N, C-alpha and C. Protein backbone atom coordinates (compact mmCIF):
# COMPACT_ATOMS: atom_id res chain seq x y z
N UNK A 1 12.52 -58.66 -22.91
CA UNK A 1 12.40 -60.17 -22.85
C UNK A 1 13.45 -60.68 -23.57
N UNK A 2 13.89 -62.15 -23.13
CA UNK A 2 15.21 -62.46 -23.80
C UNK A 2 14.41 -63.12 -25.24
N UNK A 3 15.71 -63.37 -25.92
CA UNK A 3 15.42 -64.18 -26.99
C UNK A 3 14.98 -65.64 -27.00
N UNK A 4 14.00 -66.00 -27.50
CA UNK A 4 13.20 -67.30 -27.18
C UNK A 4 12.54 -67.13 -26.49
N UNK A 5 12.34 -66.48 -25.85
CA UNK A 5 11.35 -66.39 -24.12
C UNK A 5 9.79 -66.61 -24.77
N UNK A 6 9.31 -66.50 -26.19
CA UNK A 6 8.16 -66.66 -26.30
C UNK A 6 7.85 -67.95 -26.79
N UNK A 7 8.97 -68.83 -26.88
CA UNK A 7 8.78 -70.20 -27.73
C UNK A 7 8.59 -69.87 -29.28
N UNK A 8 8.24 -68.62 -29.98
CA UNK A 8 8.09 -68.66 -31.23
C UNK A 8 9.46 -69.00 -31.87
N UNK A 9 9.43 -70.00 -33.33
CA UNK A 9 10.46 -70.15 -33.87
C UNK A 9 11.39 -69.38 -34.71
N UNK A 10 10.41 -68.36 -34.75
CA UNK A 10 11.61 -67.05 -35.54
C UNK A 10 12.13 -66.55 -34.34
N UNK A 11 12.04 -66.37 -32.90
CA UNK A 11 12.57 -65.99 -32.02
C UNK A 11 13.92 -66.65 -31.90
N UNK A 12 14.11 -67.76 -32.31
CA UNK A 12 15.29 -68.71 -32.08
C UNK A 12 16.16 -68.58 -33.62
N UNK A 13 15.41 -68.16 -34.62
CA UNK A 13 16.03 -68.08 -35.99
C UNK A 13 16.98 -66.71 -36.22
N UNK A 14 18.71 -67.00 -35.68
CA UNK A 14 19.39 -66.22 -35.55
C UNK A 14 19.71 -65.15 -36.96
N UNK A 15 19.97 -64.38 -37.49
CA UNK A 15 20.12 -63.54 -38.20
C UNK A 15 21.79 -64.05 -38.72
N UNK A 16 22.89 -64.06 -37.93
CA UNK A 16 24.03 -64.39 -37.86
C UNK A 16 24.21 -65.75 -38.89
N UNK A 17 23.31 -66.40 -38.40
CA UNK A 17 23.27 -68.04 -38.74
C UNK A 17 22.72 -67.90 -40.19
N UNK A 18 21.65 -67.06 -40.37
CA UNK A 18 21.03 -67.21 -41.80
C UNK A 18 21.91 -66.97 -42.64
N UNK A 19 23.12 -65.54 -42.25
CA UNK A 19 23.95 -65.38 -42.89
C UNK A 19 25.45 -66.49 -43.53
N UNK A 20 25.51 -67.21 -42.79
CA UNK A 20 26.31 -68.03 -42.43
C UNK A 20 25.87 -69.44 -43.21
N UNK A 21 24.80 -69.43 -43.17
CA UNK A 21 24.05 -70.50 -44.09
C UNK A 21 23.96 -69.78 -45.37
N UNK A 22 24.31 -68.56 -45.80
CA UNK A 22 24.10 -68.13 -47.38
C UNK A 22 22.51 -67.75 -47.43
N UNK A 23 21.49 -67.60 -46.46
CA UNK A 23 20.22 -67.25 -46.92
C UNK A 23 20.20 -66.14 -46.93
N UNK A 24 20.97 -65.31 -46.22
CA UNK A 24 20.79 -63.74 -46.11
C UNK A 24 21.98 -63.02 -46.61
N UNK A 25 22.49 -61.97 -47.27
CA UNK A 25 23.49 -61.83 -47.74
C UNK A 25 24.22 -60.53 -46.44
N UNK A 26 25.29 -60.40 -46.64
CA UNK A 26 25.84 -59.51 -45.55
C UNK A 26 25.24 -58.20 -45.84
N UNK A 27 25.12 -57.71 -46.95
CA UNK A 27 24.22 -56.37 -47.25
C UNK A 27 23.22 -56.01 -46.23
N UNK A 28 22.12 -57.27 -46.09
CA UNK A 28 21.05 -57.15 -45.56
C UNK A 28 21.38 -57.86 -44.03
N UNK A 29 22.12 -58.67 -43.89
CA UNK A 29 22.45 -58.95 -42.40
C UNK A 29 23.20 -58.14 -41.43
N UNK A 30 24.26 -57.12 -41.87
CA UNK A 30 24.94 -56.20 -41.27
C UNK A 30 24.62 -55.35 -40.53
N UNK A 31 23.92 -54.52 -41.36
CA UNK A 31 23.13 -53.28 -40.83
C UNK A 31 22.37 -53.87 -39.81
N UNK A 32 21.29 -54.69 -39.90
CA UNK A 32 20.87 -55.74 -38.64
C UNK A 32 21.17 -55.53 -37.74
N UNK A 33 22.31 -56.52 -37.74
CA UNK A 33 23.17 -56.29 -36.41
C UNK A 33 23.84 -55.48 -36.11
N UNK A 34 23.88 -54.69 -36.43
CA UNK A 34 24.54 -53.03 -36.14
C UNK A 34 23.29 -52.32 -35.37
N UNK A 35 22.05 -52.35 -36.03
CA UNK A 35 21.03 -51.81 -35.01
C UNK A 35 20.90 -52.64 -34.27
N UNK A 36 21.17 -53.79 -34.02
CA UNK A 36 20.35 -54.42 -32.44
C UNK A 36 19.51 -55.22 -33.01
N UNK A 37 19.48 -55.89 -33.73
CA UNK A 37 18.37 -56.92 -34.30
C UNK A 37 19.23 -58.15 -34.07
N UNK A 38 18.85 -59.22 -33.76
CA UNK A 38 19.42 -60.85 -33.44
C UNK A 38 18.50 -61.66 -34.47
N UNK A 39 17.46 -61.56 -34.12
CA UNK A 39 16.34 -62.65 -34.67
C UNK A 39 15.62 -62.36 -36.02
N UNK A 40 15.25 -63.48 -36.72
CA UNK A 40 13.98 -63.21 -37.48
C UNK A 40 12.70 -62.33 -36.82
N UNK A 41 12.45 -62.98 -35.65
CA UNK A 41 11.21 -62.32 -34.80
C UNK A 41 11.24 -60.73 -34.52
N UNK A 42 12.62 -60.55 -34.23
CA UNK A 42 12.68 -59.05 -33.85
C UNK A 42 12.33 -58.24 -34.95
N UNK A 43 12.49 -58.32 -36.13
CA UNK A 43 12.29 -57.99 -37.76
C UNK A 43 10.48 -58.05 -37.42
N UNK A 44 9.99 -58.95 -37.43
CA UNK A 44 8.67 -59.53 -37.40
C UNK A 44 7.50 -58.24 -36.55
N UNK A 45 8.51 -57.97 -35.70
CA UNK A 45 7.66 -56.84 -34.55
C UNK A 45 7.66 -55.60 -35.25
N UNK A 46 8.42 -55.31 -36.13
CA UNK A 46 8.46 -53.91 -37.10
C UNK A 46 7.81 -53.84 -37.89
N UNK A 47 6.89 -52.68 -38.37
CA UNK A 47 6.62 -52.37 -39.52
C UNK A 47 7.85 -52.21 -40.61
N UNK A 48 7.22 -52.65 -42.19
CA UNK A 48 8.23 -53.02 -43.23
C UNK A 48 8.77 -51.05 -43.12
N UNK A 49 8.23 -50.03 -43.40
CA UNK A 49 8.43 -48.85 -43.35
C UNK A 49 9.46 -48.88 -42.46
N UNK A 50 9.36 -49.60 -40.96
CA UNK A 50 10.39 -48.93 -40.05
C UNK A 50 11.83 -49.66 -40.29
N UNK A 51 11.33 -51.11 -40.86
CA UNK A 51 12.66 -51.73 -41.12
C UNK A 51 13.71 -51.17 -42.30
N UNK A 52 13.00 -50.53 -43.31
CA UNK A 52 13.40 -49.81 -44.23
C UNK A 52 14.30 -48.66 -44.11
N UNK A 53 14.02 -47.65 -42.96
CA UNK A 53 14.78 -46.67 -42.13
C UNK A 53 15.74 -47.33 -41.71
N UNK A 54 16.45 -48.69 -41.42
CA UNK A 54 17.72 -48.88 -40.61
C UNK A 54 19.04 -48.46 -41.71
N UNK A 55 19.70 -47.41 -41.13
CA UNK A 55 20.80 -47.26 -41.62
C UNK A 55 21.52 -48.42 -42.45
N UNK A 56 21.83 -47.98 -43.77
CA UNK A 56 22.74 -49.04 -44.05
C UNK A 56 21.94 -50.34 -45.05
N UNK A 57 20.75 -50.60 -44.97
CA UNK A 57 19.74 -51.17 -45.42
C UNK A 57 19.42 -50.98 -46.60
N UNK A 58 19.59 -51.30 -47.70
CA UNK A 58 19.09 -50.69 -49.24
C UNK A 58 18.23 -51.52 -49.59
N UNK A 59 17.27 -51.38 -50.66
CA UNK A 59 16.74 -51.60 -51.36
C UNK A 59 16.64 -53.39 -51.38
N UNK A 60 17.86 -53.56 -51.92
CA UNK A 60 18.10 -55.27 -51.87
C UNK A 60 18.18 -55.69 -51.04
N UNK A 61 18.67 -55.45 -49.63
CA UNK A 61 18.92 -55.82 -48.55
C UNK A 61 17.10 -55.92 -47.89
N UNK A 62 16.47 -55.27 -48.40
CA UNK A 62 14.85 -55.11 -47.70
C UNK A 62 14.18 -56.22 -48.53
N UNK A 63 14.41 -56.28 -50.36
CA UNK A 63 13.71 -57.47 -50.95
C UNK A 63 14.36 -58.77 -50.44
N UNK A 64 15.54 -59.06 -49.72
CA UNK A 64 15.82 -59.85 -49.30
C UNK A 64 14.97 -60.19 -48.24
N UNK A 65 14.79 -59.48 -47.33
CA UNK A 65 13.90 -59.96 -45.80
C UNK A 65 12.67 -59.74 -46.49
N UNK A 66 12.00 -59.17 -47.45
CA UNK A 66 10.71 -59.76 -47.85
C UNK A 66 10.87 -61.06 -48.29
N UNK A 67 11.46 -61.36 -48.84
CA UNK A 67 11.65 -63.09 -49.21
C UNK A 67 11.37 -64.02 -48.30
N UNK A 68 12.33 -63.55 -47.49
CA UNK A 68 12.61 -64.46 -46.46
C UNK A 68 11.27 -64.74 -45.64
N UNK A 69 10.56 -63.92 -44.99
CA UNK A 69 9.47 -63.63 -44.47
C UNK A 69 8.06 -64.46 -45.23
N UNK A 70 8.47 -64.11 -46.37
CA UNK A 70 7.32 -64.82 -47.21
C UNK A 70 7.67 -66.40 -47.38
N UNK A 71 8.97 -66.86 -47.57
CA UNK A 71 9.25 -68.22 -47.38
C UNK A 71 9.00 -68.85 -45.99
N UNK A 72 9.18 -68.31 -45.03
CA UNK A 72 8.99 -68.64 -43.56
C UNK A 72 7.45 -68.49 -43.22
N UNK A 73 6.90 -67.75 -43.93
CA UNK A 73 5.05 -67.78 -43.56
C UNK A 73 5.06 -66.73 -42.53
N UNK A 74 5.98 -65.93 -42.54
CA UNK A 74 5.91 -64.48 -41.77
C UNK A 74 5.53 -63.48 -42.29
N UNK A 75 5.55 -62.38 -41.35
CA UNK A 75 5.40 -60.58 -42.11
C UNK A 75 5.35 -59.68 -40.80
N UNK A 76 5.75 -58.85 -41.79
CA UNK A 76 5.99 -57.62 -40.69
C UNK A 76 4.62 -57.07 -40.19
N UNK A 77 4.97 -56.49 -38.99
CA UNK A 77 3.81 -56.25 -37.83
C UNK A 77 2.69 -55.78 -38.73
N UNK A 78 2.39 -54.80 -39.47
CA UNK A 78 1.17 -53.90 -40.40
C UNK A 78 0.61 -55.17 -41.29
N UNK A 79 1.36 -56.41 -41.75
CA UNK A 79 1.04 -57.04 -42.60
C UNK A 79 0.21 -58.19 -41.93
N UNK A 80 0.08 -58.29 -40.57
CA UNK A 80 -0.72 -59.12 -39.95
C UNK A 80 -1.88 -59.27 -39.68
N UNK A 81 -2.66 -60.16 -39.49
CA UNK A 81 -4.27 -59.86 -39.66
C UNK A 81 -4.50 -59.75 -37.75
N UNK A 82 -5.05 -58.76 -37.52
CA UNK A 82 -5.41 -58.68 -36.00
C UNK A 82 -5.89 -60.09 -35.21
């Protein structure tokens, strides 16, 4: 599936743009980009525990992601109601 194909706003929120806008730090964004993630929507498709295993993404980076998702009204896969 191509980015943005679903029409969801989170699929259009580029991680690199959030970093440039100083919404997320390099310690958070760089490991995600190296692991192949490009958008916030990519992150919401995973469970938090899966995201926590991304090499180079430490606890502080994970906390940044948690706060971002809460601010945007989004969640990791396991947190969503069916």
